[in-house]
Amino acid sequence: FGYLGFLRDWLGALNIWMNDSFYWAIFGIFTAIYV
């Protein structure tokens, strides 16, 4: 039915952005929990 192209375009336009501080914070939180 051709709706995969719509999903591909929608996902291609979706560009969620987080800076490096966010990723370091997540990594640090999980590290502390795992310890």
PDB file of all heavy atoms in Angstrom:
ATOM      1  N   PHE A   1       0.818  -1.224   0.000  1.00  0.00           N
ATOM      2  CA  PHE A   1       0.000   0.000   0.000  1.00  0.00           C
ATOM      3  C   PHE A   1       0.851   1.272   0.000  1.00  0.00           C
ATOM      4  O   PHE A   1       0.300   2.371  -0.046  1.00  0.00           O
ATOM      5  CB  PHE A   1      -0.932   0.000   1.213  1.00  0.00           C
ATOM      6  CG  PHE A   1      -1.931  -1.120   1.198  1.00  0.00           C
ATOM      7  CD1 PHE A   1      -1.751  -2.244   1.998  1.00  0.00           C
ATOM      8  CD2 PHE A   1      -3.050  -1.070   0.372  1.00  0.00           C
ATOM      9  CE1 PHE A   1      -2.670  -3.288   1.986  1.00  0.00           C
ATOM     10  CE2 PHE A   1      -3.962  -2.106   0.352  1.00  0.00           C
ATOM     11  CZ  PHE A   1      -3.776  -3.228   1.160  1.00  0.00           C
ATOM     12  N   GLY A   2       2.152   1.143   0.114  1.00  0.00           N
ATOM     13  CA  GLY A   2       3.032   2.291  -0.075  1.00  0.00           C
ATOM     14  C   GLY A   2       3.152   3.245   1.087  1.00  0.00           C
ATOM     15  O   GLY A   2       3.519   4.404   0.864  1.00  0.00           O
ATOM     16  N   TYR A   3       2.818   2.823   2.307  1.00  0.00           N
ATOM     17  CA  TYR A   3       2.957   3.762   3.432  1.00  0.00           C
ATOM     18  C   TYR A   3       4.336   3.685   4.089  1.00  0.00           C
ATOM     19  O   TYR A   3       4.624   4.454   5.010  1.00  0.00           O
ATOM     20  CB  TYR A   3       1.865   3.547   4.481  1.00  0.00           C
ATOM     21  CG  TYR A   3       1.807   2.161   5.077  1.00  0.00           C
ATOM     22  CD1 TYR A   3       2.716   1.736   6.026  1.00  0.00           C
ATOM     23  CD2 TYR A   3       0.802   1.283   4.697  1.00  0.00           C
ATOM     24  CE1 TYR A   3       2.636   0.469   6.579  1.00  0.00           C
ATOM     25  CE2 TYR A   3       0.718   0.016   5.235  1.00  0.00           C
ATOM     26  CZ  TYR A   3       1.634  -0.392   6.182  1.00  0.00           C
ATOM     27  OH  TYR A   3       1.555  -1.643   6.726  1.00  0.00           O
ATOM     28  N   LEU A   4       5.197   2.778   3.658  1.00  0.00           N
ATOM     29  CA  LEU A   4       6.540   2.730   4.229  1.00  0.00           C
ATOM     30  C   LEU A   4       7.355   3.958   3.823  1.00  0.00           C
ATOM     31  O   LEU A   4       8.225   4.414   4.581  1.00  0.00           O
ATOM     32  CB  LEU A   4       7.260   1.455   3.783  1.00  0.00           C
ATOM     33  CG  LEU A   4       6.733   0.146   4.377  1.00  0.00           C
ATOM     34  CD1 LEU A   4       7.566  -1.029   3.871  1.00  0.00           C
ATOM     35  CD2 LEU A   4       6.747   0.182   5.893  1.00  0.00           C
ATOM     36  N   GLY A   5       7.079   4.491   2.635  1.00  0.00           N
ATOM     37  CA  GLY A   5       7.778   5.706   2.219  1.00  0.00           C
ATOM     38  C   GLY A   5       7.447   6.880   3.113  1.00  0.00           C
ATOM     39  O   GLY A   5       8.321   7.694   3.451  1.00  0.00           O
ATOM     40  N   PHE A   6       6.182   6.974   3.547  1.00  0.00           N
ATOM     41  CA  PHE A   6       5.789   8.042   4.473  1.00  0.00           C
ATOM     42  C   PHE A   6       6.528   7.901   5.797  1.00  0.00           C
ATOM     43  O   PHE A   6       7.024   8.886   6.370  1.00  0.00           O
ATOM     44  CB  PHE A   6       4.279   8.002   4.678  1.00  0.00           C
ATOM     45  CG  PHE A   6       3.810   8.860   5.814  1.00  0.00           C
ATOM     46  CD1 PHE A   6       3.708  10.238   5.663  1.00  0.00           C
ATOM     47  CD2 PHE A   6       3.476   8.289   7.047  1.00  0.00           C
ATOM     48  CE1 PHE A   6       3.278  11.042   6.718  1.00  0.00           C
ATOM     49  CE2 PHE A   6       3.046   9.084   8.096  1.00  0.00           C
ATOM     50  CZ  PHE A   6       2.950  10.463   7.931  1.00  0.00           C
ATOM     51  N   LEU A   7       6.611   6.667   6.305  1.00  0.00           N
ATOM     52  CA  LEU A   7       7.325   6.458   7.563  1.00  0.00           C
ATOM     53  C   LEU A   7       8.802   6.777   7.424  1.00  0.00           C
ATOM     54  O   LEU A   7       9.414   7.342   8.323  1.00  0.00           O
ATOM     55  CB  LEU A   7       7.136   5.001   8.022  1.00  0.00           C
ATOM     56  CG  LEU A   7       5.737   4.606   8.483  1.00  0.00           C
ATOM     57  CD1 LEU A   7       5.694   3.123   8.837  1.00  0.00           C
ATOM     58  CD2 LEU A   7       5.293   5.447   9.669  1.00  0.00           C
ATOM     59  N   ARG A   8       9.388   6.420   6.267  1.00  0.00           N
ATOM     60  CA  ARG A   8      10.801   6.719   6.048  1.00  0.00           C
ATOM     61  C   ARG A   8      11.040   8.226   6.023  1.00  0.00           C
ATOM     62  O   ARG A   8      11.996   8.727   6.628  1.00  0.00           O
ATOM     63  CB  ARG A   8      11.257   6.092   4.741  1.00  0.00           C
ATOM     64  CG  ARG A   8      12.753   6.298   4.460  1.00  0.00           C
ATOM     65  CD  ARG A   8      13.175   5.754   3.115  1.00  0.00           C
ATOM     66  NE  ARG A   8      12.545   6.517   2.022  1.00  0.00           N
ATOM     67  CZ  ARG A   8      11.611   6.020   1.233  1.00  0.00           C
ATOM     68  NH1 ARG A   8      11.203   4.766   1.378  1.00  0.00           N
ATOM     69  NH2 ARG A   8      11.072   6.758   0.264  1.00  0.00           N
ATOM     70  N   ASP A   9      10.151   8.969   5.367  1.00  0.00           N
ATOM     71  CA  ASP A   9      10.304  10.424   5.314  1.00  0.00           C
ATOM     72  C   ASP A   9      10.105  11.037   6.694  1.00  0.00           C
ATOM     73  O   ASP A   9      10.808  11.995   7.063  1.00  0.00           O
ATOM     74  CB  ASP A   9       9.303  11.020   4.321  1.00  0.00           C
ATOM     75  CG  ASP A   9       9.571  10.558   2.894  1.00  0.00           C
ATOM     76  OD1 ASP A   9      10.714  10.134   2.614  1.00  0.00           O
ATOM     77  OD2 ASP A   9       8.625  10.593   2.079  1.00  0.00           O
ATOM     78  N   TRP A  10       9.144  10.485   7.456  1.00  0.00           N
ATOM     79  CA  TRP A  10       8.884  11.038   8.788  1.00  0.00           C
ATOM     80  C   TRP A  10      10.064  10.796   9.720  1.00  0.00           C
ATOM     81  O   TRP A  10      10.485  11.696  10.452  1.00  0.00           O
ATOM     82  CB  TRP A  10       7.618  10.397   9.356  1.00  0.00           C
ATOM     83  CG  TRP A  10       7.276  10.907  10.728  1.00  0.00           C
ATOM     84  CD1 TRP A  10       6.701  12.096  11.039  1.00  0.00           C
ATOM     85  CD2 TRP A  10       7.506  10.230  11.971  1.00  0.00           C
ATOM     86  NE1 TRP A  10       6.549  12.217  12.409  1.00  0.00           N
ATOM     87  CE2 TRP A  10       7.036  11.082  12.998  1.00  0.00           C
ATOM     88  CE3 TRP A  10       8.050   8.999  12.310  1.00  0.00           C
ATOM     89  CZ2 TRP A  10       7.106  10.728  14.344  1.00  0.00           C
ATOM     90  CZ3 TRP A  10       8.125   8.651  13.649  1.00  0.00           C
ATOM     91  CH2 TRP A  10       7.660   9.509  14.647  1.00  0.00           C
ATOM     92  N   LEU A  11      10.621   9.587   9.664  1.00  0.00           N
ATOM     93  CA  LEU A  11      11.783   9.285  10.503  1.00  0.00           C
ATOM     94  C   LEU A  11      13.002  10.081  10.046  1.00  0.00           C
ATOM     95  O   LEU A  11      13.837  10.485  10.871  1.00  0.00           O
ATOM     96  CB  LEU A  11      12.089   7.785  10.471  1.00  0.00           C
ATOM     97  CG  LEU A  11      11.072   6.885  11.175  1.00  0.00           C
ATOM     98  CD1 LEU A  11      11.432   5.413  10.970  1.00  0.00           C
ATOM     99  CD2 LEU A  11      11.003   7.199  12.671  1.00  0.00           C
ATOM    100  N   GLY A  12      13.106  10.316   8.726  1.00  0.00           N
ATOM    101  CA  GLY A  12      14.239  11.093   8.239  1.00  0.00           C
ATOM    102  C   GLY A  12      14.172  12.540   8.694  1.00  0.00           C
ATOM    103  O   GLY A  12      15.205  13.174   8.943  1.00  0.00           O
ATOM    104  N   ALA A  13      12.956  13.083   8.811  1.00  0.00           N
ATOM    105  CA  ALA A  13      12.796  14.468   9.280  1.00  0.00           C
ATOM    106  C   ALA A  13      12.905  14.583  10.790  1.00  0.00           C
ATOM    107  O   ALA A  13      13.120  15.678  11.313  1.00  0.00           O
ATOM    108  CB  ALA A  13      11.452  15.025   8.809  1.00  0.00           C
ATOM    109  N   LEU A  14      12.770  13.454  11.492  1.00  0.00           N
ATOM    110  CA  LEU A  14      12.853  13.475  12.955  1.00  0.00           C
ATOM    111  C   LEU A  14      14.313  13.430  13.364  1.00  0.00           C
ATOM    112  O   LEU A  14      14.996  12.416  13.206  1.00  0.00           O
ATOM    113  CB  LEU A  14      12.097  12.272  13.531  1.00  0.00           C
ATOM    114  CG  LEU A  14      11.998  12.192  15.050  1.00  0.00           C
ATOM    115  CD1 LEU A  14      11.172  13.357  15.600  1.00  0.00           C
ATOM    116  CD2 LEU A  14      11.366  10.869  15.468  1.00  0.00           C
ATOM    117  N   ASN A  15      14.800  14.523  13.883  1.00  0.00           N
ATOM    118  CA  ASN A  15      16.206  14.615  14.288  1.00  0.00           C
ATOM    119  C   ASN A  15      16.267  15.108  15.729  1.00  0.00           C
ATOM    120  O   ASN A  15      16.419  16.306  15.986  1.00  0.00           O
ATOM    121  CB  ASN A  15      16.984  15.531  13.341  1.00  0.00           C
ATOM    122  CG  ASN A  15      18.483  15.489  13.621  1.00  0.00           C
ATOM    123  OD1 ASN A  15      18.971  14.612  14.333  1.00  0.00           O
ATOM    124  ND2 ASN A  15      19.218  16.447  13.071  1.00  0.00           N
ATOM    125  N   ILE A  16      16.121  14.210  16.653  1.00  0.00           N
ATOM    126  CA  ILE A  16      16.193  14.560  18.072  1.00  0.00           C
ATOM    127  C   ILE A  16      17.641  14.850  18.422  1.00  0.00           C
ATOM    128  O   ILE A  16      18.555  14.099  18.045  1.00  0.00           O
ATOM    129  CB  ILE A  16      15.644  13.401  18.931  1.00  0.00           C
ATOM    130  CG1 ILE A  16      14.203  13.091  18.526  1.00  0.00           C
ATOM    131  CG2 ILE A  16      15.723  13.725  20.407  1.00  0.00           C
ATOM    132  CD1 ILE A  16      13.616  11.882  19.212  1.00  0.00           C
ATOM    133  N   TRP A  17      17.863  15.942  19.160  1.00  0.00           N
ATOM    134  CA  TRP A  17      19.244  16.354  19.448  1.00  0.00           C
ATOM    135  C   TRP A  17      19.437  16.500  20.952  1.00  0.00           C
ATOM    136  O   TRP A  17      18.624  17.087  21.653  1.00  0.00           O
ATOM    137  CB  TRP A  17      19.552  17.675  18.751  1.00  0.00           C
ATOM    138  CG  TRP A  17      20.976  18.114  18.982  1.00  0.00           C
ATOM    139  CD1 TRP A  17      22.067  17.744  18.270  1.00  0.00           C
ATOM    140  CD2 TRP A  17      21.436  18.994  20.007  1.00  0.00           C
ATOM    141  NE1 TRP A  17      23.196  18.329  18.786  1.00  0.00           N
ATOM    142  CE2 TRP A  17      22.834  19.110  19.855  1.00  0.00           C
ATOM    143  CE3 TRP A  17      20.809  19.692  21.039  1.00  0.00           C
ATOM    144  CZ2 TRP A  17      23.617  19.895  20.702  1.00  0.00           C
ATOM    145  CZ3 TRP A  17      21.587  20.475  21.882  1.00  0.00           C
ATOM    146  CH2 TRP A  17      22.973  20.579  21.706  1.00  0.00           C
ATOM    147  N   MET A  18      20.523  15.919  21.444  1.00  0.00           N
ATOM    148  CA  MET A  18      20.986  16.124  22.820  1.00  0.00           C
ATOM    149  C   MET A  18      22.489  16.366  22.758  1.00  0.00           C
ATOM    150  O   MET A  18      23.182  15.768  21.926  1.00  0.00           O
ATOM    151  CB  MET A  18      20.698  14.901  23.701  1.00  0.00           C
ATOM    152  CG  MET A  18      19.227  14.719  24.041  1.00  0.00           C
ATOM    153  SD  MET A  18      18.312  13.816  22.779  1.00  0.00           S
ATOM    154  CE  MET A  18      18.829  12.135  23.121  1.00  0.00           C
ATOM    155  N   ASN A  19      22.973  17.237  23.626  1.00  0.00           N
ATOM    156  CA  ASN A  19      24.412  17.514  23.612  1.00  0.00           C
ATOM    157  C   ASN A  19      25.172  16.432  24.380  1.00  0.00           C
ATOM    158  O   ASN A  19      24.586  15.511  24.955  1.00  0.00           O
ATOM    159  CB  ASN A  19      24.708  18.908  24.180  1.00  0.00           C
ATOM    160  CG  ASN A  19      24.244  19.041  25.625  1.00  0.00           C
ATOM    161  OD1 ASN A  19      23.847  18.077  26.256  1.00  0.00           O
ATOM    162  ND2 ASN A  19      24.300  20.245  26.137  1.00  0.00           N
ATOM    163  N   ASP A  20      26.482  16.547  24.397  1.00  0.00           N
ATOM    164  CA  ASP A  20      27.304  15.516  25.017  1.00  0.00           C
ATOM    165  C   ASP A  20      27.093  15.438  26.517  1.00  0.00           C
ATOM    166  O   ASP A  20      27.249  14.366  27.114  1.00  0.00           O
ATOM    167  CB  ASP A  20      28.784  15.764  24.709  1.00  0.00           C
ATOM    168  CG  ASP A  20      29.257  17.110  25.234  1.00  0.00           C
ATOM    169  OD1 ASP A  20      28.416  18.006  25.435  1.00  0.00           O
ATOM    170  OD2 ASP A  20      30.480  17.272  25.425  1.00  0.00           O
ATOM    171  N   SER A  21      26.709  16.562  27.144  1.00  0.00           N
ATOM    172  CA  SER A  21      26.479  16.537  28.596  1.00  0.00           C
ATOM    173  C   SER A  21      25.329  15.598  28.957  1.00  0.00           C
ATOM    174  O   SER A  21      25.369  14.921  29.997  1.00  0.00           O
ATOM    175  CB  SER A  21      26.178  17.954  29.109  1.00  0.00           C
ATOM    176  OG  SER A  21      27.282  18.814  28.883  1.00  0.00           O
ATOM    177  N   PHE A  22      24.310  15.556  28.120  1.00  0.00           N
ATOM    178  CA  PHE A  22      23.187  14.657  28.381  1.00  0.00           C
ATOM    179  C   PHE A  22      23.655  13.203  28.369  1.00  0.00           C
ATOM    180  O   PHE A  22      23.329  12.426  29.276  1.00  0.00           O
ATOM    181  CB  PHE A  22      22.098  14.870  27.323  1.00  0.00           C
ATOM    182  CG  PHE A  22      20.993  13.857  27.375  1.00  0.00           C
ATOM    183  CD1 PHE A  22      19.941  14.001  28.262  1.00  0.00           C
ATOM    184  CD2 PHE A  22      21.006  12.747  26.531  1.00  0.00           C
ATOM    185  CE1 PHE A  22      18.917  13.057  28.313  1.00  0.00           C
ATOM    186  CE2 PHE A  22      19.995  11.804  26.574  1.00  0.00           C
ATOM    187  CZ  PHE A  22      18.950  11.965  27.473  1.00  0.00           C
ATOM    188  N   TYR A  23      24.426  12.835  27.344  1.00  0.00           N
ATOM    189  CA  TYR A  23      24.880  11.454  27.249  1.00  0.00           C
ATOM    190  C   TYR A  23      25.830  11.092  28.396  1.00  0.00           C
ATOM    191  O   TYR A  23      25.771   9.985  28.935  1.00  0.00           O
ATOM    192  CB  TYR A  23      25.558  11.227  25.900  1.00  0.00           C
ATOM    193  CG  TYR A  23      24.642  11.427  24.723  1.00  0.00           C
ATOM    194  CD1 TYR A  23      24.868  12.432  23.791  1.00  0.00           C
ATOM    195  CD2 TYR A  23      23.536  10.607  24.538  1.00  0.00           C
ATOM    196  CE1 TYR A  23      24.034  12.614  22.707  1.00  0.00           C
ATOM    197  CE2 TYR A  23      22.683  10.780  23.457  1.00  0.00           C
ATOM    198  CZ  TYR A  23      22.942  11.790  22.549  1.00  0.00           C
ATOM    199  OH  TYR A  23      22.094  11.965  21.478  1.00  0.00           O
ATOM    200  N   TRP A  24      26.704  12.012  28.767  1.00  0.00           N
ATOM    201  CA  TRP A  24      27.588  11.745  29.905  1.00  0.00           C
ATOM    202  C   TRP A  24      26.788  11.582  31.194  1.00  0.00           C
ATOM    203  O   TRP A  24      27.128  10.737  32.040  1.00  0.00           O
ATOM    204  CB  TRP A  24      28.601  12.880  30.065  1.00  0.00           C
ATOM    205  CG  TRP A  24      29.755  12.827  29.127  1.00  0.00           C
ATOM    206  CD1 TRP A  24      30.113  13.769  28.198  1.00  0.00           C
ATOM    207  CD2 TRP A  24      30.727  11.783  29.002  1.00  0.00           C
ATOM    208  NE1 TRP A  24      31.224  13.377  27.499  1.00  0.00           N
ATOM    209  CE2 TRP A  24      31.634  12.161  27.984  1.00  0.00           C
ATOM    210  CE3 TRP A  24      30.912  10.571  29.652  1.00  0.00           C
ATOM    211  CZ2 TRP A  24      32.714  11.363  27.607  1.00  0.00           C
ATOM    212  CZ3 TRP A  24      31.988   9.767  29.281  1.00  0.00           C
ATOM    213  CH2 TRP A  24      32.867  10.163  28.263  1.00  0.00           C
ATOM    214  N   ALA A  25      25.724  12.386  31.350  1.00  0.00           N
ATOM    215  CA  ALA A  25      24.891  12.275  32.551  1.00  0.00           C
ATOM    216  C   ALA A  25      24.196  10.916  32.604  1.00  0.00           C
ATOM    217  O   ALA A  25      24.173  10.249  33.659  1.00  0.00           O
ATOM    218  CB  ALA A  25      23.862  13.402  32.591  1.00  0.00           C
ATOM    219  N   ILE A  26      23.642  10.473  31.477  1.00  0.00           N
ATOM    220  CA  ILE A  26      22.978   9.171  31.445  1.00  0.00           C
ATOM    221  C   ILE A  26      23.984   8.054  31.723  1.00  0.00           C
ATOM    222  O   ILE A  26      23.708   7.125  32.499  1.00  0.00           O
ATOM    223  CB  ILE A  26      22.297   8.953  30.074  1.00  0.00           C
ATOM    224  CG1 ILE A  26      21.149   9.959  29.887  1.00  0.00           C
ATOM    225  CG2 ILE A  26      21.763   7.534  29.963  1.00  0.00           C
ATOM    226  CD1 ILE A  26      20.027   9.818  30.877  1.00  0.00           C
ATOM    227  N   PHE A  27      25.147   8.142  31.105  1.00  0.00           N
ATOM    228  CA  PHE A  27      26.171   7.129  31.332  1.00  0.00           C
ATOM    229  C   PHE A  27      26.596   7.109  32.804  1.00  0.00           C
ATOM    230  O   PHE A  27      26.765   6.041  33.405  1.00  0.00           O
ATOM    231  CB  PHE A  27      27.379   7.389  30.435  1.00  0.00           C
ATOM    232  CG  PHE A  27      28.518   6.454  30.666  1.00  0.00           C
ATOM    233  CD1 PHE A  27      28.470   5.151  30.184  1.00  0.00           C
ATOM    234  CD2 PHE A  27      29.634   6.866  31.374  1.00  0.00           C
ATOM    235  CE1 PHE A  27      29.526   4.269  30.407  1.00  0.00           C
ATOM    236  CE2 PHE A  27      30.692   6.000  31.599  1.00  0.00           C
ATOM    237  CZ  PHE A  27      30.643   4.690  31.116  1.00  0.00           C
ATOM    238  N   GLY A  28      26.751   8.279  33.401  1.00  0.00           N
ATOM    239  CA  GLY A  28      27.150   8.347  34.809  1.00  0.00           C
ATOM    240  C   GLY A  28      26.082   7.793  35.737  1.00  0.00           C
ATOM    241  O   GLY A  28      26.397   7.097  36.723  1.00  0.00           O
ATOM    242  N   ILE A  29      24.824   8.085  35.455  1.00  0.00           N
ATOM    243  CA  ILE A  29      23.731   7.589  36.305  1.00  0.00           C
ATOM    244  C   ILE A  29      23.676   6.067  36.268  1.00  0.00           C
ATOM    245  O   ILE A  29      23.605   5.401  37.315  1.00  0.00           O
ATOM    246  CB  ILE A  29      22.390   8.199  35.850  1.00  0.00           C
ATOM    247  CG1 ILE A  29      22.344   9.696  36.171  1.00  0.00           C
ATOM    248  CG2 ILE A  29      21.215   7.481  36.514  1.00  0.00           C
ATOM    249  CD1 ILE A  29      21.147  10.406  35.586  1.00  0.00           C
ATOM    250  N   PHE A  30      23.729   5.496  35.063  1.00  0.00           N
ATOM    251  CA  PHE A  30      23.691   4.039  34.964  1.00  0.00           C
ATOM    252  C   PHE A  30      24.930   3.398  35.588  1.00  0.00           C
ATOM    253  O   PHE A  30      24.835   2.336  36.199  1.00  0.00           O
ATOM    254  CB  PHE A  30      23.557   3.609  33.501  1.00  0.00           C
ATOM    255  CG  PHE A  30      22.155   3.599  32.998  1.00  0.00           C
ATOM    256  CD1 PHE A  30      21.748   4.461  31.995  1.00  0.00           C
ATOM    257  CD2 PHE A  30      21.223   2.722  33.524  1.00  0.00           C
ATOM    258  CE1 PHE A  30      20.440   4.453  31.533  1.00  0.00           C
ATOM    259  CE2 PHE A  30      19.912   2.701  33.066  1.00  0.00           C
ATOM    260  CZ  PHE A  30      19.524   3.571  32.063  1.00  0.00           C
ATOM    261  N   THR A  31      26.076   4.046  35.441  1.00  0.00           N
ATOM    262  CA  THR A  31      27.295   3.510  36.057  1.00  0.00           C
ATOM    263  C   THR A  31      27.154   3.450  37.569  1.00  0.00           C
ATOM    264  O   THR A  31      27.518   2.442  38.201  1.00  0.00           O
ATOM    265  CB  THR A  31      28.506   4.361  35.658  1.00  0.00           C
ATOM    266  OG1 THR A  31      28.656   4.360  34.237  1.00  0.00           O
ATOM    267  CG2 THR A  31      29.773   3.809  36.291  1.00  0.00           C
ATOM    268  N   ALA A  32      26.649   4.521  38.169  1.00  0.00           N
ATOM    269  CA  ALA A  32      26.463   4.538  39.624  1.00  0.00           C
ATOM    270  C   ALA A  32      25.478   3.452  40.062  1.00  0.00           C
ATOM    271  O   ALA A  32      25.697   2.758  41.071  1.00  0.00           O
ATOM    272  CB  ALA A  32      25.974   5.914  40.069  1.00  0.00           C
ATOM    273  N   ILE A  33      24.391   3.284  39.315  1.00  0.00           N
ATOM    274  CA  ILE A  33      23.408   2.256  39.660  1.00  0.00           C
ATOM    275  C   ILE A  33      24.022   0.870  39.544  1.00  0.00           C
ATOM    276  O   ILE A  33      23.821   0.007  40.413  1.00  0.00           O
ATOM    277  CB  ILE A  33      22.167   2.389  38.759  1.00  0.00           C
ATOM    278  CG1 ILE A  33      21.418   3.685  39.078  1.00  0.00           C
ATOM    279  CG2 ILE A  33      21.241   1.179  38.938  1.00  0.00           C
ATOM    280  CD1 ILE A  33      20.242   3.950  38.168  1.00  0.00           C
ATOM    281  N   TYR A  34      24.800   0.633  38.502  1.00  0.00           N
ATOM    282  CA  TYR A  34      25.403  -0.689  38.310  1.00  0.00           C
ATOM    283  C   TYR A  34      26.430  -0.998  39.398  1.00  0.00           C
ATOM    284  O   TYR A  34      26.579  -2.150  39.811  1.00  0.00           O
ATOM    285  CB  TYR A  34      26.042  -0.785  36.932  1.00  0.00           C
ATOM    286  CG  TYR A  34      25.038  -0.931  35.815  1.00  0.00           C
ATOM    287  CD1 TYR A  34      25.340  -0.554  34.514  1.00  0.00           C
ATOM    288  CD2 TYR A  34      23.777  -1.448  36.055  1.00  0.00           C
ATOM    289  CE1 TYR A  34      24.419  -0.692  33.492  1.00  0.00           C
ATOM    290  CE2 TYR A  34      22.856  -1.590  35.037  1.00  0.00           C
ATOM    291  CZ  TYR A  34      23.177  -1.209  33.761  1.00  0.00           C
ATOM    292  OH  TYR A  34      22.254  -1.349  32.752  1.00  0.00           O
ATOM    293  N   VAL A  35      27.137   0.019  39.863  1.00  0.00           N
ATOM    294  CA  VAL A  35      28.078  -0.196  40.971  1.00  0.00           C
ATOM    295  C   VAL A  35      27.324  -0.602  42.232  1.00  0.00           C
ATOM    296  O   VAL A  35      27.726  -1.523  42.954  1.00  0.00           O
ATOM    297  CB  VAL A  35      28.922   1.074  41.206  1.00  0.00           C
ATOM    298  CG1 VAL A  35      29.708   0.960  42.508  1.00  0.00           C
ATOM    299  CG2 VAL A  35      29.872   1.313  40.044  1.00  0.00           C
TER     300      VAL A  35
END
